[in-house]
Amino acid sequence: MRTSSLLVAVAVAAAVVFGAAATPVTEILGGWGVIPDVDDAHVQEIGAWAVAEHIKRANDGLRFGRVSGGEEQVVSGVNYRLRIVAVNLAGQNVTYSAVVYEQIWTNTRRLLSFDKAK
């Protein structure tokens, strides 16, 4: 009887703990999650900043178009993996993939990568 009472108590505790998490989790902590609104002004501003930083390094005359998609990862700040449409010197829209690290409270922003999208 004692063992069955213990098993019932453990089952109830597990149901309470895991039952509360019955709602599906769409984002893993520390993992990448889809940016729900890439048209958000802050996301677009990060994309424009990424193109400006790339131009400083490459001097290739790209012009920012818009962020067309992306993911974010919460770390000690936020990593943004963005799909950016930019216009090259020939006037063609080209899609790039950029990774930007931002830590708002220290006013830190770094361009970690900027490459033509595959």
PDB file of N, CA and C in Angstrom:
ATOM      1  N   MET A   1       0.826  -1.195   0.000  1.00  0.00           N
ATOM      2  CA  MET A   1       0.000   0.000   0.000  1.00  0.00           C
ATOM      3  C   MET A   1       0.867   1.254   0.000  1.00  0.00           C
ATOM      4  N   ARG A   2       1.934   1.191   0.785  1.00  0.00           N
ATOM      5  CA  ARG A   2       2.816   2.348   0.877  1.00  0.00           C
ATOM      6  C   ARG A   2       3.485   2.649  -0.466  1.00  0.00           C
ATOM      7  N   THR A   3       3.922   1.599  -1.167  1.00  0.00           N
ATOM      8  CA  THR A   3       4.572   1.767  -2.460  1.00  0.00           C
ATOM      9  C   THR A   3       3.594   2.341  -3.482  1.00  0.00           C
ATOM     10  N   SER A   4       2.360   1.856  -3.482  1.00  0.00           N
ATOM     11  CA  SER A   4       1.389   2.372  -4.443  1.00  0.00           C
ATOM     12  C   SER A   4       1.029   3.820  -4.145  1.00  0.00           C
ATOM     13  N   SER A   5       0.984   4.199  -2.867  1.00  0.00           N
ATOM     14  CA  SER A   5       0.727   5.595  -2.511  1.00  0.00           C
ATOM     15  C   SER A   5       1.856   6.491  -2.998  1.00  0.00           C
ATOM     16  N   LEU A   6       3.071   5.993  -2.861  1.00  0.00           N
ATOM     17  CA  LEU A   6       4.237   6.751  -3.320  1.00  0.00           C
ATOM     18  C   LEU A   6       4.193   6.911  -4.843  1.00  0.00           C
ATOM     19  N   LEU A   7       3.837   5.844  -5.557  1.00  0.00           N
ATOM     20  CA  LEU A   7       3.746   5.916  -7.012  1.00  0.00           C
ATOM     21  C   LEU A   7       2.661   6.885  -7.453  1.00  0.00           C
ATOM     22  N   VAL A   8       1.526   6.887  -6.758  1.00  0.00           N
ATOM     23  CA  VAL A   8       0.449   7.823  -7.085  1.00  0.00           C
ATOM     24  C   VAL A   8       0.909   9.255  -6.851  1.00  0.00           C
ATOM     25  N   ALA A   9       1.612   9.487  -5.741  1.00  0.00           N
ATOM     26  CA  ALA A   9       2.109  10.829  -5.439  1.00  0.00           C
ATOM     27  C   ALA A   9       3.089  11.300  -6.506  1.00  0.00           C
ATOM     28  N   VAL A  10       3.977  10.407  -6.939  1.00  0.00           N
ATOM     29  CA  VAL A  10       4.949  10.760  -7.979  1.00  0.00           C
ATOM     30  C   VAL A  10       4.223  11.038  -9.298  1.00  0.00           C
ATOM     31  N   ALA A  11       3.230  10.229  -9.624  1.00  0.00           N
ATOM     32  CA  ALA A  11       2.466  10.428 -10.859  1.00  0.00           C
ATOM     33  C   ALA A  11       1.727  11.756 -10.843  1.00  0.00           C
ATOM     34  N   VAL A  12       1.133  12.113  -9.704  1.00  0.00           N
ATOM     35  CA  VAL A  12       0.416  13.380  -9.584  1.00  0.00           C
ATOM     36  C   VAL A  12       1.395  14.548  -9.721  1.00  0.00           C
ATOM     37  N   ALA A  13       2.538  14.443  -9.056  1.00  0.00           N
ATOM     38  CA  ALA A  13       3.542  15.507  -9.135  1.00  0.00           C
ATOM     39  C   ALA A  13       4.028  15.679 -10.577  1.00  0.00           C
ATOM     40  N   ALA A  14       4.264  14.547 -11.265  1.00  0.00           N
ATOM     41  CA  ALA A  14       4.715  14.625 -12.651  1.00  0.00           C
ATOM     42  C   ALA A  14       3.636  15.251 -13.535  1.00  0.00           C
ATOM     43  N   ALA A  15       2.384  14.906 -13.282  1.00  0.00           N
ATOM     44  CA  ALA A  15       1.295  15.482 -14.075  1.00  0.00           C
ATOM     45  C   ALA A  15       1.205  16.976 -13.870  1.00  0.00           C
ATOM     46  N   VAL A  16       1.401  17.414 -12.632  1.00  0.00           N
ATOM     47  CA  VAL A  16       1.348  18.849 -12.348  1.00  0.00           C
ATOM     48  C   VAL A  16       2.496  19.562 -13.034  1.00  0.00           C
ATOM     49  N   VAL A  17       3.704  19.004 -12.905  1.00  0.00           N
ATOM     50  CA  VAL A  17       4.885  19.657 -13.479  1.00  0.00           C
ATOM     51  C   VAL A  17       4.836  19.629 -15.007  1.00  0.00           C
ATOM     52  N   PHE A  18       4.595  18.451 -15.570  1.00  0.00           N
ATOM     53  CA  PHE A  18       4.633  18.343 -17.026  1.00  0.00           C
ATOM     54  C   PHE A  18       3.317  18.736 -17.675  1.00  0.00           C
ATOM     55  N   GLY A  19       2.235  18.643 -16.943  1.00  0.00           N
ATOM     56  CA  GLY A  19       0.934  19.059 -17.476  1.00  0.00           C
ATOM     57  C   GLY A  19       0.887  20.553 -17.709  1.00  0.00           C
ATOM     58  N   ALA A  20       1.590  21.314 -16.874  1.00  0.00           N
ATOM     59  CA  ALA A  20       1.641  22.764 -17.037  1.00  0.00           C
ATOM     60  C   ALA A  20       2.377  23.128 -18.320  1.00  0.00           C
ATOM     61  N   ALA A  21       3.236  22.215 -18.766  1.00  0.00           N
ATOM     62  CA  ALA A  21       3.990  22.469 -19.988  1.00  0.00           C
ATOM     63  C   ALA A  21       3.324  21.800 -21.189  1.00  0.00           C
ATOM     64  N   ALA A  22       2.025  21.524 -21.083  1.00  0.00           N
ATOM     65  CA  ALA A  22       1.322  20.853 -22.174  1.00  0.00           C
ATOM     66  C   ALA A  22       1.224  21.733 -23.410  1.00  0.00           C
ATOM     67  N   THR A  23       1.308  23.037 -23.239  1.00  0.00           N
ATOM     68  CA  THR A  23       1.314  23.946 -24.384  1.00  0.00           C
ATOM     69  C   THR A  23       2.618  23.734 -25.134  1.00  0.00           C
ATOM     70  N   PRO A  24       2.562  23.534 -26.444  1.00  0.00           N
ATOM     71  CA  PRO A  24       3.797  23.281 -27.178  1.00  0.00           C
ATOM     72  C   PRO A  24       4.764  24.456 -27.085  1.00  0.00           C
ATOM     73  N   VAL A  25       6.017  24.126 -26.893  1.00  0.00           N
ATOM     74  CA  VAL A  25       7.061  25.142 -26.837  1.00  0.00           C
ATOM     75  C   VAL A  25       7.616  25.287 -28.248  1.00  0.00           C
ATOM     76  N   THR A  26       7.572  26.488 -28.799  1.00  0.00           N
ATOM     77  CA  THR A  26       8.015  26.695 -30.179  1.00  0.00           C
ATOM     78  C   THR A  26       9.451  27.189 -30.250  1.00  0.00           C
ATOM     79  N   GLU A  27      10.005  27.563 -29.126  1.00  0.00           N
ATOM     80  CA  GLU A  27      11.362  28.092 -29.143  1.00  0.00           C
ATOM     81  C   GLU A  27      12.138  27.502 -27.984  1.00  0.00           C
ATOM     82  N   ILE A  28      13.314  26.970 -28.263  1.00  0.00           N
ATOM     83  CA  ILE A  28      14.167  26.415 -27.239  1.00  0.00           C
ATOM     84  C   ILE A  28      15.024  27.546 -26.694  1.00  0.00           C
ATOM     85  N   LEU A  29      15.095  27.635 -25.365  1.00  0.00           N
ATOM     86  CA  LEU A  29      15.915  28.690 -24.766  1.00  0.00           C
ATOM     87  C   LEU A  29      17.344  28.571 -25.278  1.00  0.00           C
ATOM     88  N   GLY A  30      17.902  29.675 -25.729  1.00  0.00           N
ATOM     89  CA  GLY A  30      19.250  29.678 -26.274  1.00  0.00           C
ATOM     90  C   GLY A  30      19.303  29.240 -27.720  1.00  0.00           C
ATOM     91  N   GLY A  31      18.196  28.732 -28.239  1.00  0.00           N
ATOM     92  CA  GLY A  31      18.148  28.297 -29.632  1.00  0.00           C
ATOM     93  C   GLY A  31      17.659  29.426 -30.521  1.00  0.00           C
ATOM     94  N   TRP A  32      17.670  29.175 -31.798  1.00  0.00           N
ATOM     95  CA  TRP A  32      17.206  30.160 -32.769  1.00  0.00           C
ATOM     96  C   TRP A  32      15.704  30.057 -32.929  1.00  0.00           C
ATOM     97  N   GLY A  33      15.030  31.195 -32.989  1.00  0.00           N
ATOM     98  CA  GLY A  33      13.592  31.251 -33.218  1.00  0.00           C
ATOM     99  C   GLY A  33      13.285  32.264 -34.306  1.00  0.00           C
ATOM    100  N   VAL A  34      12.229  32.017 -35.039  1.00  0.00           N
ATOM    101  CA  VAL A  34      11.831  32.903 -36.138  1.00  0.00           C
ATOM    102  C   VAL A  34      11.444  34.277 -35.594  1.00  0.00           C
ATOM    103  N   ILE A  35      11.904  35.331 -36.237  1.00  0.00           N
ATOM    104  CA  ILE A  35      11.497  36.692 -35.877  1.00  0.00           C
ATOM    105  C   ILE A  35      10.058  36.852 -36.354  1.00  0.00           C
ATOM    106  N   PRO A  36       9.123  37.074 -35.429  1.00  0.00           N
ATOM    107  CA  PRO A  36       7.713  37.100 -35.819  1.00  0.00           C
ATOM    108  C   PRO A  36       7.330  38.259 -36.734  1.00  0.00           C
ATOM    109  N   ASP A  37       8.006  39.390 -36.624  1.00  0.00           N
ATOM    110  CA  ASP A  37       7.648  40.559 -37.433  1.00  0.00           C
ATOM    111  C   ASP A  37       8.918  41.204 -37.983  1.00  0.00           C
ATOM    112  N   VAL A  38       9.354  40.748 -39.162  1.00  0.00           N
ATOM    113  CA  VAL A  38      10.579  41.315 -39.735  1.00  0.00           C
ATOM    114  C   VAL A  38      10.374  42.737 -40.236  1.00  0.00           C
ATOM    115  N   ASP A  39       9.119  43.176 -40.312  1.00  0.00           N
ATOM    116  CA  ASP A  39       8.850  44.554 -40.711  1.00  0.00           C
ATOM    117  C   ASP A  39       8.978  45.523 -39.539  1.00  0.00           C
ATOM    118  N   ASP A  40       9.234  45.000 -38.353  1.00  0.00           N
ATOM    119  CA  ASP A  40       9.449  45.840 -37.178  1.00  0.00           C
ATOM    120  C   ASP A  40      10.589  46.826 -37.462  1.00  0.00           C
ATOM    121  N   ALA A  41      10.416  48.061 -37.056  1.00  0.00           N
ATOM    122  CA  ALA A  41      11.400  49.117 -37.351  1.00  0.00           C
ATOM    123  C   ALA A  41      12.793  48.765 -36.827  1.00  0.00           C
ATOM    124  N   HIS A  42      12.877  48.153 -35.650  1.00  0.00           N
ATOM    125  CA  HIS A  42      14.178  47.809 -35.077  1.00  0.00           C
ATOM    126  C   HIS A  42      14.885  46.747 -35.924  1.00  0.00           C
ATOM    127  N   VAL A  43      14.148  45.754 -36.386  1.00  0.00           N
ATOM    128  CA  VAL A  43      14.732  44.699 -37.220  1.00  0.00           C
ATOM    129  C   VAL A  43      15.223  45.296 -38.541  1.00  0.00           C
ATOM    130  N   GLN A  44      14.424  46.160 -39.154  1.00  0.00           N
ATOM    131  CA  GLN A  44      14.832  46.803 -40.404  1.00  0.00           C
ATOM    132  C   GLN A  44      16.073  47.680 -40.183  1.00  0.00           C
ATOM    133  N   GLU A  45      16.126  48.357 -39.055  1.00  0.00           N
ATOM    134  CA  GLU A  45      17.278  49.215 -38.736  1.00  0.00           C
ATOM    135  C   GLU A  45      18.541  48.376 -38.558  1.00  0.00           C
ATOM    136  N   ILE A  46      18.428  47.213 -37.938  1.00  0.00           N
ATOM    137  CA  ILE A  46      19.590  46.324 -37.786  1.00  0.00           C
ATOM    138  C   ILE A  46      20.068  45.863 -39.165  1.00  0.00           C
ATOM    139  N   GLY A  47      19.130  45.549 -40.050  1.00  0.00           N
ATOM    140  CA  GLY A  47      19.503  45.154 -41.410  1.00  0.00           C
ATOM    141  C   GLY A  47      20.221  46.262 -42.156  1.00  0.00           C
ATOM    142  N   ALA A  48      19.707  47.481 -42.051  1.00  0.00           N
ATOM    143  CA  ALA A  48      20.357  48.627 -42.701  1.00  0.00           C
ATOM    144  C   ALA A  48      21.748  48.853 -42.125  1.00  0.00           C
ATOM    145  N   TRP A  49      21.867  48.702 -40.814  1.00  0.00           N
ATOM    146  CA  TRP A  49      23.171  48.863 -40.159  1.00  0.00           C
ATOM    147  C   TRP A  49      24.148  47.802 -40.655  1.00  0.00           C
ATOM    148  N   ALA A  50      23.658  46.557 -40.808  1.00  0.00           N
ATOM    149  CA  ALA A  50      24.523  45.464 -41.278  1.00  0.00           C
ATOM    150  C   ALA A  50      25.071  45.765 -42.672  1.00  0.00           C
ATOM    151  N   VAL A  51      24.225  46.283 -43.556  1.00  0.00           N
ATOM    152  CA  VAL A  51      24.683  46.636 -44.906  1.00  0.00           C
ATOM    153  C   VAL A  51      25.710  47.764 -44.829  1.00  0.00           C
ATOM    154  N   ALA A  52      25.456  48.775 -44.009  1.00  0.00           N
ATOM    155  CA  ALA A  52      26.404  49.892 -43.858  1.00  0.00           C
ATOM    156  C   ALA A  52      27.754  49.404 -43.335  1.00  0.00           C
ATOM    157  N   GLU A  53      27.741  48.488 -42.378  1.00  0.00           N
ATOM    158  CA  GLU A  53      28.999  47.936 -41.847  1.00  0.00           C
ATOM    159  C   GLU A  53      29.711  47.117 -42.913  1.00  0.00           C
ATOM    160  N   HIS A  54      28.958  46.352 -43.673  1.00  0.00           N
ATOM    161  CA  HIS A  54      29.555  45.563 -44.765  1.00  0.00           C
ATOM    162  C   HIS A  54      30.228  46.487 -45.777  1.00  0.00           C
ATOM    163  N   ILE A  55      29.567  47.589 -46.122  1.00  0.00           N
ATOM    164  CA  ILE A  55      30.128  48.538 -47.092  1.00  0.00           C
ATOM    165  C   ILE A  55      31.454  49.112 -46.593  1.00  0.00           C
ATOM    166  N   LYS A  56      31.543  49.377 -45.280  1.00  0.00           N
ATOM    167  CA  LYS A  56      32.801  49.886 -44.713  1.00  0.00           C
ATOM    168  C   LYS A  56      33.951  48.910 -44.968  1.00  0.00           C
ATOM    169  N   ARG A  57      33.650  47.609 -44.940  1.00  0.00           N
ATOM    170  CA  ARG A  57      34.691  46.586 -45.117  1.00  0.00           C
ATOM    171  C   ARG A  57      34.935  46.260 -46.588  1.00  0.00           C
ATOM    172  N   ALA A  58      33.864  46.190 -47.373  1.00  0.00           N
ATOM    173  CA  ALA A  58      33.980  45.709 -48.752  1.00  0.00           C
ATOM    174  C   ALA A  58      33.974  46.820 -49.791  1.00  0.00           C
ATOM    175  N   ASN A  59      33.424  47.974 -49.445  1.00  0.00           N
ATOM    176  CA  ASN A  59      33.327  49.112 -50.370  1.00  0.00           C
ATOM    177  C   ASN A  59      32.783  48.681 -51.736  1.00  0.00           C
ATOM    178  N   ASP A  60      31.675  47.906 -51.702  1.00  0.00           N
ATOM    179  CA  ASP A  60      31.130  47.372 -52.942  1.00  0.00           C
ATOM    180  C   ASP A  60      29.852  48.077 -53.400  1.00  0.00           C
ATOM    181  N   GLY A  61      29.483  49.164 -52.730  1.00  0.00           N
ATOM    182  CA  GLY A  61      28.380  49.982 -53.183  1.00  0.00           C
ATOM    183  C   GLY A  61      26.987  49.403 -53.007  1.00  0.00           C
ATOM    184  N   LEU A  62      26.840  48.393 -52.158  1.00  0.00           N
ATOM    185  CA  LEU A  62      25.494  47.860 -51.919  1.00  0.00           C
ATOM    186  C   LEU A  62      24.599  48.928 -51.317  1.00  0.00           C
ATOM    187  N   ARG A  63      23.309  48.832 -51.613  1.00  0.00           N
ATOM    188  CA  ARG A  63      22.312  49.702 -50.981  1.00  0.00           C
ATOM    189  C   ARG A  63      21.283  48.813 -50.299  1.00  0.00           C
ATOM    190  N   PHE A  64      20.973  49.134 -49.077  1.00  0.00           N
ATOM    191  CA  PHE A  64      19.997  48.361 -48.314  1.00  0.00           C
ATOM    192  C   PHE A  64      18.630  48.446 -48.959  1.00  0.00           C
ATOM    193  N   GLY A  65      17.973  47.289 -49.060  1.00  0.00           N
ATOM    194  CA  GLY A  65      16.590  47.234 -49.526  1.00  0.00           C
ATOM    195  C   GLY A  65      15.667  47.004 -48.340  1.00  0.00           C
ATOM    196  N   ARG A  66      15.696  45.777 -47.812  1.00  0.00           N
ATOM    197  CA  ARG A  66      14.873  45.445 -46.654  1.00  0.00           C
ATOM    198  C   ARG A  66      15.296  44.096 -46.086  1.00  0.00           C
ATOM    199  N   VAL A  67      14.924  43.873 -44.837  1.00  0.00           N
ATOM    200  CA  VAL A  67      15.071  42.552 -44.236  1.00  0.00           C
ATOM    201  C   VAL A  67      13.847  41.756 -44.665  1.00  0.00           C
ATOM    202  N   SER A  68      14.079  40.602 -45.282  1.00  0.00           N
ATOM    203  CA  SER A  68      12.955  39.803 -45.785  1.00  0.00           C
ATOM    204  C   SER A  68      12.629  38.605 -44.894  1.00  0.00           C
ATOM    205  N   GLY A  69      13.506  38.302 -43.957  1.00  0.00           N
ATOM    206  CA  GLY A  69      13.269  37.181 -43.054  1.00  0.00           C
ATOM    207  C   GLY A  69      14.384  37.103 -42.039  1.00  0.00           C
ATOM    208  N   GLY A  70      14.184  36.288 -41.033  1.00  0.00           N
ATOM    209  CA  GLY A  70      15.266  36.147 -40.076  1.00  0.00           C
ATOM    210  C   GLY A  70      14.898  35.354 -38.846  1.00  0.00           C
ATOM    211  N   GLU A  71      15.933  35.096 -38.074  1.00  0.00           N
ATOM    212  CA  GLU A  71      15.810  34.393 -36.810  1.00  0.00           C
ATOM    213  C   GLU A  71      16.575  35.176 -35.758  1.00  0.00           C
ATOM    214  N   GLU A  72      16.211  34.928 -34.506  1.00  0.00           N
ATOM    215  CA  GLU A  72      16.929  35.564 -33.400  1.00  0.00           C
ATOM    216  C   GLU A  72      17.244  34.518 -32.350  1.00  0.00           C
ATOM    217  N   GLN A  73      18.322  34.777 -31.630  1.00  0.00           N
ATOM    218  CA  GLN A  73      18.784  33.884 -30.571  1.00  0.00           C
ATOM    219  C   GLN A  73      19.133  34.745 -29.364  1.00  0.00           C
ATOM    220  N   VAL A  74      18.447  34.497 -28.255  1.00  0.00           N
ATOM    221  CA  VAL A  74      18.725  35.255 -27.044  1.00  0.00           C
ATOM    222  C   VAL A  74      19.931  34.632 -26.364  1.00  0.00           C
ATOM    223  N   VAL A  75      20.959  35.444 -26.202  1.00  0.00           N
ATOM    224  CA  VAL A  75      22.181  35.057 -25.494  1.00  0.00           C
ATOM    225  C   VAL A  75      22.390  36.143 -24.452  1.00  0.00           C
ATOM    226  N   SER A  76      23.588  36.574 -24.225  1.00  0.00           N
ATOM    227  CA  SER A  76      23.803  37.744 -23.374  1.00  0.00           C
ATOM    228  C   SER A  76      23.660  38.953 -24.288  1.00  0.00           C
ATOM    229  N   GLY A  77      22.454  39.161 -24.743  1.00  0.00           N
ATOM    230  CA  GLY A  77      22.115  40.085 -25.813  1.00  0.00           C
ATOM    231  C   GLY A  77      21.301  39.272 -26.805  1.00  0.00           C
ATOM    232  N   VAL A  78      21.329  39.659 -28.063  1.00  0.00           N
ATOM    233  CA  VAL A  78      20.574  38.932 -29.084  1.00  0.00           C
ATOM    234  C   VAL A  78      21.432  38.791 -30.336  1.00  0.00           C
ATOM    235  N   ASN A  79      21.471  37.565 -30.872  1.00  0.00           N
ATOM    236  CA  ASN A  79      22.044  37.330 -32.189  1.00  0.00           C
ATOM    237  C   ASN A  79      20.896  37.358 -33.189  1.00  0.00           C
ATOM    238  N   TYR A  80      21.088  38.066 -34.276  1.00  0.00           N
ATOM    239  CA  TYR A  80      20.107  38.119 -35.355  1.00  0.00           C
ATOM    240  C   TYR A  80      20.720  37.473 -36.585  1.00  0.00           C
ATOM    241  N   ARG A  81      20.025  36.520 -37.176  1.00  0.00           N
ATOM    242  CA  ARG A  81      20.425  35.926 -38.450  1.00  0.00           C
ATOM    243  C   ARG A  81      19.397  36.416 -39.460  1.00  0.00           C
ATOM    244  N   LEU A  82      19.812  37.347 -40.315  1.00  0.00           N
ATOM    245  CA  LEU A  82      18.869  38.054 -41.188  1.00  0.00           C
ATOM    246  C   LEU A  82      19.074  37.717 -42.651  1.00  0.00           C
ATOM    247  N   ARG A  83      17.975  37.660 -43.387  1.00  0.00           N
ATOM    248  CA  ARG A  83      18.006  37.603 -44.849  1.00  0.00           C
ATOM    249  C   ARG A  83      17.726  39.032 -45.312  1.00  0.00           C
ATOM    250  N   ILE A  84      18.701  39.603 -45.995  1.00  0.00           N
ATOM    251  CA  ILE A  84      18.629  41.002 -46.384  1.00  0.00           C
ATOM    252  C   ILE A  84      18.649  41.103 -47.906  1.00  0.00           C
ATOM    253  N   VAL A  85      17.708  41.851 -48.443  1.00  0.00           N
ATOM    254  CA  VAL A  85      17.711  42.152 -49.871  1.00  0.00           C
ATOM    255  C   VAL A  85      18.414  43.497 -50.029  1.00  0.00           C
ATOM    256  N   ALA A  86      19.455  43.513 -50.852  1.00  0.00           N
ATOM    257  CA  ALA A  86      20.205  44.744 -51.113  1.00  0.00           C
ATOM    258  C   ALA A  86      20.358  44.901 -52.621  1.00  0.00           C
ATOM    259  N   VAL A  87      20.590  46.116 -53.034  1.00  0.00           N
ATOM    260  CA  VAL A  87      20.743  46.421 -54.458  1.00  0.00           C
ATOM    261  C   VAL A  87      22.232  46.602 -54.749  1.00  0.00           C
ATOM    262  N   ASN A  88      22.748  45.847 -55.742  1.00  0.00           N
ATOM    263  CA  ASN A  88      24.165  45.978 -56.086  1.00  0.00           C
ATOM    264  C   ASN A  88      24.375  47.118 -57.089  1.00  0.00           C
ATOM    265  N   LEU A  89      25.608  47.335 -57.486  1.00  0.00           N
ATOM    266  CA  LEU A  89      25.924  48.446 -58.395  1.00  0.00           C
ATOM    267  C   LEU A  89      25.272  48.300 -59.766  1.00  0.00           C
ATOM    268  N   ALA A  90      24.919  47.064 -60.141  1.00  0.00           N
ATOM    269  CA  ALA A  90      24.251  46.839 -61.426  1.00  0.00           C
ATOM    270  C   ALA A  90      22.747  47.056 -61.319  1.00  0.00           C
ATOM    271  N   GLY A  91      22.277  47.432 -60.115  1.00  0.00           N
ATOM    272  CA  GLY A  91      20.856  47.686 -59.917  1.00  0.00           C
ATOM    273  C   GLY A  91      20.028  46.435 -59.661  1.00  0.00           C
ATOM    274  N   GLN A  92      20.696  45.307 -59.412  1.00  0.00           N
ATOM    275  CA  GLN A  92      19.998  44.041 -59.177  1.00  0.00           C
ATOM    276  C   GLN A  92      19.755  43.816 -57.688  1.00  0.00           C
ATOM    277  N   ASN A  93      18.585  43.268 -57.383  1.00  0.00           N
ATOM    278  CA  ASN A  93      18.307  42.854 -56.006  1.00  0.00           C
ATOM    279  C   ASN A  93      19.026  41.539 -55.741  1.00  0.00           C
ATOM    280  N   VAL A  94      19.819  41.524 -54.691  1.00  0.00           N
ATOM    281  CA  VAL A  94      20.568  40.330 -54.302  1.00  0.00           C
ATOM    282  C   VAL A  94      20.273  40.071 -52.832  1.00  0.00           C
ATOM    283  N   THR A  95      20.088  38.790 -52.484  1.00  0.00           N
ATOM    284  CA  THR A  95      19.797  38.430 -51.089  1.00  0.00           C
ATOM    285  C   THR A  95      21.085  38.015 -50.390  1.00  0.00           C
ATOM    286  N   TYR A  96      21.260  38.554 -49.198  1.00  0.00           N
ATOM    287  CA  TYR A  96      22.428  38.263 -48.373  1.00  0.00           C
ATOM    288  C   TYR A  96      21.975  37.696 -47.035  1.00  0.00           C
ATOM    289  N   SER A  97      22.878  36.977 -46.419  1.00  0.00           N
ATOM    290  CA  SER A  97      22.646  36.463 -45.078  1.00  0.00           C
ATOM    291  C   SER A  97      23.634  37.169 -44.150  1.00  0.00           C
ATOM    292  N   ALA A  98      23.112  37.781 -43.095  1.00  0.00           N
ATOM    293  CA  ALA A  98      23.971  38.506 -42.157  1.00  0.00           C
ATOM    294  C   ALA A  98      23.673  38.033 -40.745  1.00  0.00           C
ATOM    295  N   VAL A  99      24.712  37.973 -39.932  1.00  0.00           N
ATOM    296  CA  VAL A  99      24.539  37.678 -38.509  1.00  0.00           C
ATOM    297  C   VAL A  99      25.052  38.888 -37.740  1.00  0.00           C
ATOM    298  N   VAL A 100      24.181  39.427 -36.895  1.00  0.00           N
ATOM    299  CA  VAL A 100      24.497  40.616 -36.102  1.00  0.00           C
ATOM    300  C   VAL A 100      24.277  40.287 -34.634  1.00  0.00           C
ATOM    301  N   TYR A 101      25.239  40.656 -33.813  1.00  0.00           N
ATOM    302  CA  TYR A 101      25.100  40.530 -32.363  1.00  0.00           C
ATOM    303  C   TYR A 101      24.773  41.907 -31.811  1.00  0.00           C
ATOM    304  N   GLU A 102      23.772  41.976 -30.939  1.00  0.00           N
ATOM    305  CA  GLU A 102      23.407  43.257 -30.330  1.00  0.00           C
ATOM    306  C   GLU A 102      23.177  43.071 -28.837  1.00  0.00           C
ATOM    307  N   GLN A 103      23.749  43.991 -28.076  1.00  0.00           N
ATOM    308  CA  GLN A 103      23.515  44.056 -26.634  1.00  0.00           C
ATOM    309  C   GLN A 103      23.122  45.507 -26.342  1.00  0.00           C
ATOM    310  N   ILE A 104      21.811  45.731 -26.223  1.00  0.00           N
ATOM    311  CA  ILE A 104      21.275  47.088 -26.126  1.00  0.00           C
ATOM    312  C   ILE A 104      21.800  47.829 -24.903  1.00  0.00           C
ATOM    313  N   TRP A 105      21.846  47.157 -23.742  1.00  0.00           N
ATOM    314  CA  TRP A 105      22.190  47.863 -22.508  1.00  0.00           C
ATOM    315  C   TRP A 105      23.644  48.305 -22.445  1.00  0.00           C
ATOM    316  N   THR A 106      24.515  47.779 -23.335  1.00  0.00           N
ATOM    317  CA  THR A 106      25.898  48.263 -23.395  1.00  0.00           C
ATOM    318  C   THR A 106      26.163  49.028 -24.691  1.00  0.00           C
ATOM    319  N   ASN A 107      25.095  49.218 -25.492  1.00  0.00           N
ATOM    320  CA  ASN A 107      25.213  49.915 -26.766  1.00  0.00           C
ATOM    321  C   ASN A 107      26.233  49.225 -27.679  1.00  0.00           C
ATOM    322  N   THR A 108      26.181  47.876 -27.684  1.00  0.00           N
ATOM    323  CA  THR A 108      27.107  47.075 -28.482  1.00  0.00           C
ATOM    324  C   THR A 108      26.380  46.472 -29.671  1.00  0.00           C
ATOM    325  N   ARG A 109      27.015  46.559 -30.814  1.00  0.00           N
ATOM    326  CA  ARG A 109      26.487  45.911 -32.014  1.00  0.00           C
ATOM    327  C   ARG A 109      27.686  45.474 -32.847  1.00  0.00           C
ATOM    328  N   ARG A 110      27.673  44.204 -33.284  1.00  0.00           N
ATOM    329  CA  ARG A 110      28.778  43.680 -34.091  1.00  0.00           C
ATOM    330  C   ARG A 110      28.239  42.907 -35.293  1.00  0.00           C
ATOM    331  N   LEU A 111      28.839  43.134 -36.435  1.00  0.00           N
ATOM    332  CA  LEU A 111      28.526  42.353 -37.624  1.00  0.00           C
ATOM    333  C   LEU A 111      29.429  41.124 -37.597  1.00  0.00           C
ATOM    334  N   LEU A 112      28.835  39.948 -37.395  1.00  0.00           N
ATOM    335  CA  LEU A 112      29.616  38.713 -37.285  1.00  0.00           C
ATOM    336  C   LEU A 112      29.850  38.057 -38.641  1.00  0.00           C
ATOM    337  N   SER A 113      28.895  38.191 -39.547  1.00  0.00           N
ATOM    338  CA  SER A 113      29.097  37.667 -40.908  1.00  0.00           C
ATOM    339  C   SER A 113      28.144  38.370 -41.862  1.00  0.00           C
ATOM    340  N   PHE A 114      28.556  38.400 -43.123  1.00  0.00           N
ATOM    341  CA  PHE A 114      27.731  38.996 -44.182  1.00  0.00           C
ATOM    342  C   PHE A 114      28.135  38.313 -45.479  1.00  0.00           C
ATOM    343  N   ASP A 115      27.255  37.459 -46.001  1.00  0.00           N
ATOM    344  CA  ASP A 115      27.571  36.667 -47.186  1.00  0.00           C
ATOM    345  C   ASP A 115      26.370  36.622 -48.118  1.00  0.00           C
ATOM    346  N   LYS A 116      26.660  36.375 -49.391  1.00  0.00           N
ATOM    347  CA  LYS A 116      25.580  36.166 -50.360  1.00  0.00           C
ATOM    348  C   LYS A 116      24.821  34.923 -49.929  1.00  0.00           C
ATOM    349  N   ALA A 117      23.487  35.017 -49.919  1.00  0.00           N
ATOM    350  CA  ALA A 117      22.648  33.892 -49.496  1.00  0.00           C
ATOM    351  C   ALA A 117      22.761  32.761 -50.506  1.00  0.00           C
ATOM    352  N   LYS A 118      22.655  31.564 -50.005  1.00  0.00           N
ATOM    353  CA  LYS A 118      22.754  30.381 -50.879  1.00  0.00           C
ATOM    354  C   LYS A 118      21.389  29.876 -51.223  1.00  0.00           C
TER     355      LYS A 118
END
